[in-house]
Amino acid sequence: MKVVRFHTRVPIAAPERLSDELIAALKTPGVASYVVVHANHARELQPSVRAALARLVDAGVPVLSQSVLLKGVNDDAQALADLFRALVECRVKPYYLHHPDLAPGTAHFRLPIATGVALMRALRGRLSGVALPTYVLDIPGGYGKVPLTPGYLEPGGRTVRDHCGEVHAYPPAMAEEE
């Protein structure tokens, strides 16, 4: 085993459980360990959580995050921007923004994929690339994740659409060289 990836809410939900022993175990020689924290709103990143994340990063453990796009929780560009900026401030790379699964009892959190794609387009104009996760759908039935991205290149490949929705020629018309 050369790479281990731990997905957890421990640093978020119970930061006091991030002991020196646990951090030392994550630094097994010859094994690349990654911690992926699950956070859905910037309010979750309280001072104790930020301190726990700093301890992990300061110990040399790479930390990524994944979040779920949740109706009524983080389904607007400002809430997502606040979350992703706060994570980057904690030296955590926002890795995935998941479209909600079709799990029983979660219908009230679901929203159309088009809403998520529009939010990602809006975030592209607000955030550094370091702060942008990949918006993904985990295909039901165990078929894996696929990225859900806004279409920036228009059909035919001669025009591109920017994050504001404006269309531009590509390549742009060049002035004649003198």
N, C-alpha and C. Protein backbone atom coordinates (compact mmCIF):
# COMPACT_ATOMS: atom_id res chain seq x y z
N MET A 1 0.85 -1.17 0.00
CA MET A 1 0.00 0.00 0.00
C MET A 1 0.90 1.24 0.00
N LYS A 2 0.69 2.08 -1.01
CA LYS A 2 1.52 3.27 -1.13
C LYS A 2 0.76 4.56 -0.89
N VAL A 3 -0.56 4.53 -1.11
CA VAL A 3 -1.38 5.73 -0.94
C VAL A 3 -2.63 5.37 -0.13
N VAL A 4 -2.91 6.19 0.88
CA VAL A 4 -4.11 6.01 1.70
C VAL A 4 -4.86 7.34 1.71
N ARG A 5 -6.15 7.25 1.48
CA ARG A 5 -7.00 8.45 1.50
C ARG A 5 -8.08 8.23 2.55
N PHE A 6 -8.11 9.12 3.54
CA PHE A 6 -9.10 9.05 4.62
C PHE A 6 -10.15 10.13 4.39
N HIS A 7 -11.40 9.73 4.30
CA HIS A 7 -12.50 10.68 4.22
C HIS A 7 -13.14 10.73 5.60
N THR A 8 -13.28 11.94 6.15
CA THR A 8 -13.75 12.04 7.53
C THR A 8 -14.38 13.39 7.83
N ARG A 9 -15.24 13.39 8.82
CA ARG A 9 -15.75 14.64 9.38
C ARG A 9 -15.14 14.89 10.76
N VAL A 10 -14.23 14.04 11.21
CA VAL A 10 -13.65 14.21 12.55
C VAL A 10 -13.07 15.60 12.77
N PRO A 11 -12.23 16.14 11.88
CA PRO A 11 -11.69 17.48 12.16
C PRO A 11 -12.78 18.56 12.23
N ILE A 12 -13.92 18.31 11.57
CA ILE A 12 -15.01 19.28 11.55
C ILE A 12 -15.94 19.08 12.75
N ALA A 13 -16.34 17.84 12.99
CA ALA A 13 -17.35 17.54 14.01
C ALA A 13 -16.78 17.31 15.39
N ALA A 14 -15.55 16.82 15.46
CA ALA A 14 -14.93 16.52 16.76
C ALA A 14 -13.43 16.80 16.69
N PRO A 15 -13.05 18.07 16.50
CA PRO A 15 -11.63 18.39 16.30
C PRO A 15 -10.73 17.95 17.46
N GLU A 16 -11.29 17.83 18.65
CA GLU A 16 -10.49 17.40 19.81
C GLU A 16 -9.99 15.96 19.66
N ARG A 17 -10.59 15.19 18.77
CA ARG A 17 -10.17 13.80 18.56
C ARG A 17 -8.92 13.69 17.70
N LEU A 18 -8.47 14.80 17.14
CA LEU A 18 -7.28 14.79 16.31
C LEU A 18 -6.04 14.86 17.20
N SER A 19 -5.69 13.73 17.78
CA SER A 19 -4.59 13.65 18.75
C SER A 19 -3.24 13.61 18.05
N ASP A 20 -2.19 13.83 18.84
CA ASP A 20 -0.83 13.72 18.31
C ASP A 20 -0.59 12.31 17.77
N GLU A 21 -1.14 11.30 18.46
CA GLU A 21 -0.97 9.91 18.04
C GLU A 21 -1.63 9.66 16.68
N LEU A 22 -2.82 10.21 16.50
CA LEU A 22 -3.53 10.03 15.24
C LEU A 22 -2.77 10.71 14.10
N ILE A 23 -2.29 11.91 14.36
CA ILE A 23 -1.53 12.62 13.33
C ILE A 23 -0.24 11.87 13.00
N ALA A 24 0.43 11.33 14.01
CA ALA A 24 1.65 10.55 13.78
C ALA A 24 1.34 9.31 12.94
N ALA A 25 0.20 8.68 13.18
CA ALA A 25 -0.19 7.49 12.41
C ALA A 25 -0.42 7.82 10.94
N LEU A 26 -0.84 9.05 10.67
CA LEU A 26 -1.05 9.47 9.29
C LEU A 26 0.25 9.70 8.54
N LYS A 27 1.35 9.72 9.28
CA LYS A 27 2.66 9.99 8.68
C LYS A 27 3.50 8.72 8.60
N THR A 28 2.89 7.59 8.28
CA THR A 28 3.60 6.32 8.16
C THR A 28 4.65 6.43 7.05
N PRO A 29 5.90 6.12 7.35
CA PRO A 29 6.94 6.21 6.32
C PRO A 29 6.61 5.33 5.11
N GLY A 30 6.83 5.88 3.94
CA GLY A 30 6.60 5.14 2.71
C GLY A 30 5.15 5.10 2.24
N VAL A 31 4.25 5.71 3.00
CA VAL A 31 2.83 5.74 2.63
C VAL A 31 2.40 7.20 2.50
N ALA A 32 1.85 7.54 1.35
CA ALA A 32 1.31 8.89 1.15
C ALA A 32 -0.11 8.90 1.67
N SER A 33 -0.33 9.64 2.75
CA SER A 33 -1.66 9.72 3.35
C SER A 33 -2.29 11.06 3.02
N TYR A 34 -3.54 11.02 2.61
CA TYR A 34 -4.33 12.21 2.34
C TYR A 34 -5.55 12.18 3.24
N VAL A 35 -5.91 13.33 3.77
CA VAL A 35 -7.13 13.46 4.55
C VAL A 35 -8.09 14.32 3.74
N VAL A 36 -9.31 13.82 3.57
CA VAL A 36 -10.35 14.57 2.87
C VAL A 36 -11.45 14.85 3.88
N VAL A 37 -11.57 16.13 4.25
CA VAL A 37 -12.59 16.51 5.23
C VAL A 37 -13.89 16.84 4.51
N HIS A 38 -14.99 16.59 5.21
CA HIS A 38 -16.32 16.85 4.66
C HIS A 38 -16.89 18.07 5.37
N ALA A 39 -17.03 19.17 4.64
CA ALA A 39 -17.59 20.40 5.19
C ALA A 39 -18.54 20.99 4.16
N ASN A 40 -19.68 21.48 4.63
CA ASN A 40 -20.71 21.98 3.72
C ASN A 40 -21.03 23.46 3.87
N HIS A 41 -20.53 24.10 4.92
CA HIS A 41 -20.81 25.52 5.12
C HIS A 41 -19.65 26.15 5.88
N ALA A 42 -19.36 27.40 5.58
CA ALA A 42 -18.25 28.11 6.23
C ALA A 42 -18.44 28.18 7.75
N ARG A 43 -19.68 28.19 8.22
CA ARG A 43 -19.92 28.25 9.67
C ARG A 43 -19.36 27.04 10.41
N GLU A 44 -19.13 25.95 9.69
CA GLU A 44 -18.55 24.76 10.33
C GLU A 44 -17.09 24.97 10.71
N LEU A 45 -16.43 25.94 10.10
CA LEU A 45 -15.00 26.14 10.32
C LEU A 45 -14.75 27.08 11.50
N GLN A 46 -15.16 26.62 12.66
CA GLN A 46 -14.97 27.36 13.91
C GLN A 46 -13.48 27.38 14.28
N PRO A 47 -13.07 28.22 15.22
CA PRO A 47 -11.65 28.29 15.59
C PRO A 47 -11.04 26.93 15.97
N SER A 48 -11.76 26.09 16.69
CA SER A 48 -11.21 24.78 17.06
C SER A 48 -11.01 23.89 15.83
N VAL A 49 -11.87 24.01 14.85
CA VAL A 49 -11.74 23.26 13.61
C VAL A 49 -10.54 23.78 12.83
N ARG A 50 -10.41 25.09 12.74
CA ARG A 50 -9.27 25.68 12.03
C ARG A 50 -7.95 25.27 12.68
N ALA A 51 -7.92 25.21 14.00
CA ALA A 51 -6.71 24.79 14.70
C ALA A 51 -6.39 23.32 14.40
N ALA A 52 -7.41 22.48 14.36
CA ALA A 52 -7.19 21.06 14.06
C ALA A 52 -6.67 20.88 12.64
N LEU A 53 -7.25 21.61 11.70
CA LEU A 53 -6.78 21.53 10.31
C LEU A 53 -5.34 22.03 10.20
N ALA A 54 -5.01 23.09 10.92
CA ALA A 54 -3.64 23.62 10.91
C ALA A 54 -2.66 22.58 11.44
N ARG A 55 -3.06 21.85 12.48
CA ARG A 55 -2.17 20.81 13.03
C ARG A 55 -1.89 19.73 11.98
N LEU A 56 -2.91 19.34 11.25
CA LEU A 56 -2.71 18.33 10.19
C LEU A 56 -1.78 18.86 9.11
N VAL A 57 -2.07 20.05 8.61
CA VAL A 57 -1.27 20.62 7.52
C VAL A 57 0.16 20.88 8.00
N ASP A 58 0.30 21.43 9.20
CA ASP A 58 1.64 21.71 9.74
C ASP A 58 2.46 20.43 9.92
N ALA A 59 1.77 19.30 10.12
CA ALA A 59 2.46 18.01 10.26
C ALA A 59 2.83 17.42 8.90
N GLY A 60 2.45 18.11 7.83
CA GLY A 60 2.81 17.64 6.50
C GLY A 60 1.77 16.73 5.86
N VAL A 61 0.59 16.66 6.43
CA VAL A 61 -0.47 15.83 5.87
C VAL A 61 -1.28 16.67 4.87
N PRO A 62 -1.32 16.27 3.60
CA PRO A 62 -2.15 17.00 2.64
C PRO A 62 -3.63 16.87 3.01
N VAL A 63 -4.34 17.98 2.97
CA VAL A 63 -5.76 17.98 3.33
C VAL A 63 -6.56 18.57 2.17
N LEU A 64 -7.55 17.82 1.74
CA LEU A 64 -8.49 18.23 0.71
C LEU A 64 -9.87 18.29 1.35
N SER A 65 -10.84 18.81 0.61
CA SER A 65 -12.21 18.80 1.15
C SER A 65 -13.17 18.35 0.07
N GLN A 66 -14.28 17.81 0.55
CA GLN A 66 -15.41 17.61 -0.34
C GLN A 66 -16.64 18.12 0.37
N SER A 67 -17.53 18.67 -0.43
CA SER A 67 -18.76 19.26 0.08
C SER A 67 -19.90 18.72 -0.76
N VAL A 68 -21.10 18.84 -0.23
CA VAL A 68 -22.30 18.46 -0.98
C VAL A 68 -23.11 19.73 -1.19
N LEU A 69 -23.56 19.94 -2.41
CA LEU A 69 -24.44 21.07 -2.72
C LEU A 69 -25.81 20.75 -2.14
N LEU A 70 -26.25 21.53 -1.16
CA LEU A 70 -27.48 21.24 -0.42
C LEU A 70 -28.46 22.40 -0.51
N LYS A 71 -29.65 22.10 -1.01
CA LYS A 71 -30.71 23.10 -1.09
C LYS A 71 -31.01 23.65 0.30
N GLY A 72 -31.01 24.98 0.41
CA GLY A 72 -31.31 25.63 1.68
C GLY A 72 -30.14 25.74 2.63
N VAL A 73 -28.98 25.18 2.25
CA VAL A 73 -27.80 25.23 3.12
C VAL A 73 -26.68 26.03 2.46
N ASN A 74 -26.32 25.63 1.25
CA ASN A 74 -25.20 26.28 0.57
C ASN A 74 -25.48 26.44 -0.93
N ASP A 75 -26.74 26.63 -1.29
CA ASP A 75 -27.13 26.65 -2.69
C ASP A 75 -27.14 28.04 -3.32
N ASP A 76 -26.21 28.88 -2.89
CA ASP A 76 -26.03 30.17 -3.56
C ASP A 76 -24.53 30.44 -3.67
N ALA A 77 -24.17 31.25 -4.66
CA ALA A 77 -22.76 31.48 -4.96
C ALA A 77 -22.01 32.08 -3.78
N GLN A 78 -22.64 32.97 -3.02
CA GLN A 78 -21.94 33.59 -1.89
C GLN A 78 -21.61 32.57 -0.80
N ALA A 79 -22.56 31.71 -0.46
CA ALA A 79 -22.32 30.69 0.57
C ALA A 79 -21.19 29.75 0.15
N LEU A 80 -21.20 29.34 -1.12
CA LEU A 80 -20.14 28.46 -1.60
C LEU A 80 -18.80 29.18 -1.65
N ALA A 81 -18.79 30.43 -2.11
CA ALA A 81 -17.54 31.20 -2.15
C ALA A 81 -16.98 31.36 -0.74
N ASP A 82 -17.84 31.66 0.22
CA ASP A 82 -17.38 31.80 1.61
C ASP A 82 -16.77 30.49 2.11
N LEU A 83 -17.43 29.37 1.82
CA LEU A 83 -16.91 28.07 2.25
C LEU A 83 -15.56 27.78 1.61
N PHE A 84 -15.46 27.92 0.31
CA PHE A 84 -14.22 27.56 -0.38
C PHE A 84 -13.08 28.50 -0.02
N ARG A 85 -13.37 29.78 0.17
CA ARG A 85 -12.32 30.71 0.62
C ARG A 85 -11.85 30.34 2.03
N ALA A 86 -12.79 30.03 2.91
CA ALA A 86 -12.43 29.66 4.29
C ALA A 86 -11.57 28.40 4.30
N LEU A 87 -11.91 27.43 3.46
CA LEU A 87 -11.10 26.22 3.39
C LEU A 87 -9.68 26.54 2.92
N VAL A 88 -9.56 27.35 1.88
CA VAL A 88 -8.23 27.71 1.37
C VAL A 88 -7.44 28.48 2.43
N GLU A 89 -8.11 29.34 3.18
CA GLU A 89 -7.43 30.04 4.29
C GLU A 89 -6.89 29.05 5.31
N CYS A 90 -7.53 27.90 5.43
CA CYS A 90 -7.08 26.84 6.35
C CYS A 90 -6.06 25.92 5.67
N ARG A 91 -5.66 26.27 4.46
CA ARG A 91 -4.72 25.48 3.65
C ARG A 91 -5.30 24.12 3.25
N VAL A 92 -6.60 24.11 3.05
CA VAL A 92 -7.32 22.92 2.60
C VAL A 92 -7.78 23.18 1.16
N LYS A 93 -7.47 22.27 0.26
CA LYS A 93 -7.87 22.42 -1.15
C LYS A 93 -9.29 21.90 -1.34
N PRO A 94 -10.22 22.78 -1.73
CA PRO A 94 -11.56 22.30 -2.08
C PRO A 94 -11.44 21.37 -3.31
N TYR A 95 -11.78 20.11 -3.13
CA TYR A 95 -11.54 19.09 -4.15
C TYR A 95 -12.80 18.75 -4.94
N TYR A 96 -13.86 18.35 -4.24
CA TYR A 96 -15.12 18.01 -4.89
C TYR A 96 -16.27 18.79 -4.27
N LEU A 97 -17.19 19.20 -5.13
CA LEU A 97 -18.52 19.64 -4.72
C LEU A 97 -19.46 18.61 -5.33
N HIS A 98 -20.07 17.80 -4.48
CA HIS A 98 -20.94 16.73 -4.95
C HIS A 98 -22.36 17.22 -5.18
N HIS A 99 -22.95 16.78 -6.29
CA HIS A 99 -24.39 16.93 -6.46
C HIS A 99 -25.02 15.92 -5.49
N PRO A 100 -26.13 16.26 -4.84
CA PRO A 100 -26.70 15.35 -3.84
C PRO A 100 -27.04 13.98 -4.43
N ASP A 101 -26.73 12.94 -3.66
CA ASP A 101 -27.09 11.58 -4.04
C ASP A 101 -28.61 11.40 -3.95
N LEU A 102 -29.08 10.33 -4.55
CA LEU A 102 -30.51 10.01 -4.52
C LEU A 102 -30.85 9.13 -3.31
N ALA A 103 -30.17 9.35 -2.21
CA ALA A 103 -30.40 8.54 -1.01
C ALA A 103 -31.79 8.81 -0.43
N PRO A 104 -32.44 7.77 0.08
CA PRO A 104 -33.77 7.96 0.69
C PRO A 104 -33.71 8.99 1.82
N GLY A 105 -34.73 9.81 1.90
CA GLY A 105 -34.83 10.79 2.97
C GLY A 105 -34.08 12.09 2.72
N THR A 106 -33.50 12.25 1.53
CA THR A 106 -32.72 13.46 1.25
C THR A 106 -33.32 14.33 0.15
N ALA A 107 -34.51 14.01 -0.30
CA ALA A 107 -35.12 14.74 -1.42
C ALA A 107 -35.21 16.24 -1.14
N HIS A 108 -35.43 16.62 0.10
CA HIS A 108 -35.57 18.05 0.43
C HIS A 108 -34.26 18.82 0.26
N PHE A 109 -33.12 18.13 0.14
CA PHE A 109 -31.84 18.79 -0.08
C PHE A 109 -31.46 18.88 -1.56
N ARG A 110 -32.17 18.15 -2.42
CA ARG A 110 -31.79 18.08 -3.83
C ARG A 110 -32.24 19.30 -4.62
N LEU A 111 -31.48 19.59 -5.66
CA LEU A 111 -31.79 20.68 -6.57
C LEU A 111 -31.37 20.25 -7.97
N PRO A 112 -31.83 20.93 -9.00
CA PRO A 112 -31.47 20.52 -10.36
C PRO A 112 -29.97 20.64 -10.63
N ILE A 113 -29.46 19.72 -11.43
CA ILE A 113 -28.05 19.79 -11.83
C ILE A 113 -27.75 21.13 -12.48
N ALA A 114 -28.67 21.64 -13.27
CA ALA A 114 -28.46 22.93 -13.95
C ALA A 114 -28.19 24.05 -12.95
N THR A 115 -28.79 23.97 -11.77
CA THR A 115 -28.54 24.98 -10.73
C THR A 115 -27.09 24.90 -10.28
N GLY A 116 -26.60 23.69 -10.06
CA GLY A 116 -25.20 23.52 -9.66
C GLY A 116 -24.23 23.99 -10.73
N VAL A 117 -24.53 23.68 -11.98
CA VAL A 117 -23.67 24.12 -13.09
C VAL A 117 -23.64 25.65 -13.14
N ALA A 118 -24.79 26.28 -12.97
CA ALA A 118 -24.84 27.75 -12.98
C ALA A 118 -24.06 28.33 -11.81
N LEU A 119 -24.13 27.69 -10.66
CA LEU A 119 -23.35 28.16 -9.51
C LEU A 119 -21.85 28.05 -9.78
N MET A 120 -21.42 26.96 -10.39
CA MET A 120 -20.00 26.80 -10.71
C MET A 120 -19.55 27.86 -11.71
N ARG A 121 -20.40 28.19 -12.67
CA ARG A 121 -20.07 29.25 -13.62
C ARG A 121 -19.90 30.57 -12.88
N ALA A 122 -20.80 30.86 -11.95
CA ALA A 122 -20.71 32.11 -11.17
C ALA A 122 -19.45 32.13 -10.30
N LEU A 123 -19.09 30.99 -9.73
CA LEU A 123 -17.90 30.92 -8.88
C LEU A 123 -16.62 31.12 -9.68
N ARG A 124 -16.62 30.69 -10.93
CA ARG A 124 -15.44 30.83 -11.79
C ARG A 124 -15.02 32.29 -11.87
N GLY A 125 -15.96 33.20 -11.84
CA GLY A 125 -15.64 34.62 -11.91
C GLY A 125 -15.33 35.26 -10.57
N ARG A 126 -15.52 34.52 -9.48
CA ARG A 126 -15.32 35.08 -8.14
C ARG A 126 -14.12 34.52 -7.40
N LEU A 127 -13.71 33.31 -7.73
CA LEU A 127 -12.69 32.62 -6.95
C LEU A 127 -11.45 32.29 -7.76
N SER A 128 -10.33 32.22 -7.08
CA SER A 128 -9.10 31.72 -7.67
C SER A 128 -9.30 30.25 -8.02
N GLY A 129 -8.58 29.79 -9.01
CA GLY A 129 -8.65 28.37 -9.38
C GLY A 129 -8.32 27.44 -8.23
N VAL A 130 -7.45 27.87 -7.32
CA VAL A 130 -7.09 27.06 -6.16
C VAL A 130 -8.31 26.79 -5.29
N ALA A 131 -9.25 27.71 -5.27
CA ALA A 131 -10.42 27.59 -4.40
C ALA A 131 -11.60 26.90 -5.08
N LEU A 132 -11.48 26.56 -6.35
CA LEU A 132 -12.60 25.95 -7.08
C LEU A 132 -12.52 24.43 -7.04
N PRO A 133 -13.54 23.79 -6.50
CA PRO A 133 -13.58 22.33 -6.57
C PRO A 133 -14.14 21.89 -7.92
N THR A 134 -14.13 20.61 -8.16
CA THR A 134 -14.80 20.03 -9.32
C THR A 134 -16.20 19.62 -8.89
N TYR A 135 -17.20 20.09 -9.61
CA TYR A 135 -18.60 19.72 -9.35
C TYR A 135 -18.82 18.35 -9.97
N VAL A 136 -19.25 17.37 -9.17
CA VAL A 136 -19.37 16.00 -9.66
C VAL A 136 -20.71 15.38 -9.30
N LEU A 137 -21.08 14.41 -10.11
CA LEU A 137 -22.24 13.56 -9.87
C LEU A 137 -21.72 12.15 -9.69
N ASP A 138 -22.07 11.52 -8.59
CA ASP A 138 -21.74 10.12 -8.36
C ASP A 138 -22.88 9.31 -8.98
N ILE A 139 -22.60 8.65 -10.10
CA ILE A 139 -23.66 7.97 -10.85
C ILE A 139 -24.22 6.82 -10.01
N PRO A 140 -25.53 6.80 -9.81
CA PRO A 140 -26.13 5.71 -9.04
C PRO A 140 -25.80 4.34 -9.64
N GLY A 141 -25.58 3.37 -8.77
CA GLY A 141 -25.28 2.02 -9.22
C GLY A 141 -23.80 1.69 -9.20
N GLY A 142 -22.97 2.60 -8.68
CA GLY A 142 -21.55 2.31 -8.56
C GLY A 142 -20.75 2.53 -9.83
N TYR A 143 -21.21 3.41 -10.71
CA TYR A 143 -20.52 3.65 -11.98
C TYR A 143 -19.49 4.77 -11.91
N GLY A 144 -19.28 5.33 -10.74
CA GLY A 144 -18.25 6.34 -10.58
C GLY A 144 -18.77 7.77 -10.66
N LYS A 145 -17.82 8.68 -10.54
CA LYS A 145 -18.13 10.11 -10.55
C LYS A 145 -17.84 10.69 -11.93
N VAL A 146 -18.65 11.67 -12.32
CA VAL A 146 -18.38 12.40 -13.56
C VAL A 146 -18.44 13.89 -13.25
N PRO A 147 -17.57 14.68 -13.88
CA PRO A 147 -17.62 16.13 -13.66
C PRO A 147 -18.84 16.73 -14.35
N LEU A 148 -19.43 17.70 -13.70
CA LEU A 148 -20.56 18.45 -14.25
C LEU A 148 -20.07 19.87 -14.45
N THR A 149 -19.67 20.19 -15.67
CA THR A 149 -19.04 21.48 -15.92
C THR A 149 -19.87 22.33 -16.87
N PRO A 150 -19.80 23.64 -16.69
CA PRO A 150 -20.46 24.52 -17.65
C PRO A 150 -19.78 24.38 -19.00
N GLY A 151 -20.54 24.46 -20.08
CA GLY A 151 -19.96 24.39 -21.41
C GLY A 151 -19.43 25.75 -21.82
N TYR A 152 -18.14 25.93 -21.76
CA TYR A 152 -17.55 27.21 -22.13
C TYR A 152 -17.27 27.30 -23.62
N LEU A 153 -16.93 26.17 -24.24
CA LEU A 153 -16.65 26.15 -25.67
C LEU A 153 -17.96 25.86 -26.39
N GLU A 154 -18.36 26.77 -27.26
CA GLU A 154 -19.63 26.61 -27.98
C GLU A 154 -19.47 25.57 -29.08
N PRO A 155 -20.57 24.93 -29.49
CA PRO A 155 -20.50 23.95 -30.58
C PRO A 155 -19.83 24.56 -31.81
N GLY A 156 -18.95 23.80 -32.42
CA GLY A 156 -18.20 24.31 -33.58
C GLY A 156 -16.83 24.83 -33.19
N GLY A 157 -16.63 25.15 -31.92
CA GLY A 157 -15.32 25.54 -31.43
C GLY A 157 -14.82 26.90 -31.87
N ARG A 158 -15.68 27.76 -32.40
CA ARG A 158 -15.23 29.07 -32.87
C ARG A 158 -15.55 30.19 -31.89
N THR A 159 -16.34 29.89 -30.86
CA THR A 159 -16.67 30.89 -29.85
C THR A 159 -16.60 30.26 -28.46
N VAL A 160 -16.29 31.11 -27.48
CA VAL A 160 -16.27 30.68 -26.08
C VAL A 160 -17.19 31.60 -25.28
N ARG A 161 -17.74 31.05 -24.23
CA ARG A 161 -18.64 31.81 -23.36
C ARG A 161 -17.90 32.01 -22.03
N ASP A 162 -17.82 33.26 -21.55
CA ASP A 162 -17.12 33.54 -20.29
C ASP A 162 -18.04 33.26 -19.10
N HIS A 163 -17.51 33.46 -17.89
CA HIS A 163 -18.28 33.15 -16.68
C HIS A 163 -19.50 34.04 -16.50
N CYS A 164 -19.56 35.15 -17.24
CA CYS A 164 -20.74 36.03 -17.18
C CYS A 164 -21.77 35.66 -18.25
N GLY A 165 -21.43 34.69 -19.09
CA GLY A 165 -22.35 34.26 -20.14
C GLY A 165 -22.16 34.97 -21.46
N GLU A 166 -21.19 35.87 -21.56
CA GLU A 166 -20.96 36.60 -22.81
C GLU A 166 -20.13 35.74 -23.76
N VAL A 167 -20.45 35.85 -25.05
CA VAL A 167 -19.81 35.04 -26.08
C VAL A 167 -18.69 35.84 -26.74
N HIS A 168 -17.55 35.17 -26.98
CA HIS A 168 -16.38 35.80 -27.60
C HIS A 168 -15.87 34.90 -28.72
N ALA A 169 -15.38 35.52 -29.79
CA ALA A 169 -14.79 34.77 -30.90
C ALA A 169 -13.48 34.15 -30.44
N TYR A 170 -13.21 32.93 -30.95
CA TYR A 170 -11.92 32.30 -30.70
C TYR A 170 -11.48 31.58 -31.95
N PRO A 171 -10.27 31.84 -32.43
CA PRO A 171 -9.38 32.87 -31.92
C PRO A 171 -9.92 34.25 -32.25
N PRO A 172 -9.56 35.23 -31.41
CA PRO A 172 -10.03 36.59 -31.67
C PRO A 172 -9.44 37.12 -32.98
N ALA A 173 -10.16 38.01 -33.61
CA ALA A 173 -9.65 38.63 -34.84
C ALA A 173 -8.39 39.41 -34.49
N MET A 174 -7.32 39.18 -35.24
CA MET A 174 -6.05 39.85 -34.98
C MET A 174 -5.89 41.02 -35.94
N ALA A 175 -5.36 42.10 -35.41
CA ALA A 175 -5.05 43.25 -36.27
C ALA A 175 -3.92 42.84 -37.21
N GLU A 176 -3.96 43.36 -38.42
CA GLU A 176 -2.91 43.02 -39.37
C GLU A 176 -1.58 43.54 -38.84
N GLU A 177 -0.56 42.70 -39.03
CA GLU A 177 0.77 43.13 -38.59
C GLU A 177 1.30 44.19 -39.53
N GLU A 178 1.99 45.15 -38.98
CA GLU A 178 2.52 46.24 -39.80
C GLU A 178 3.87 45.89 -40.34
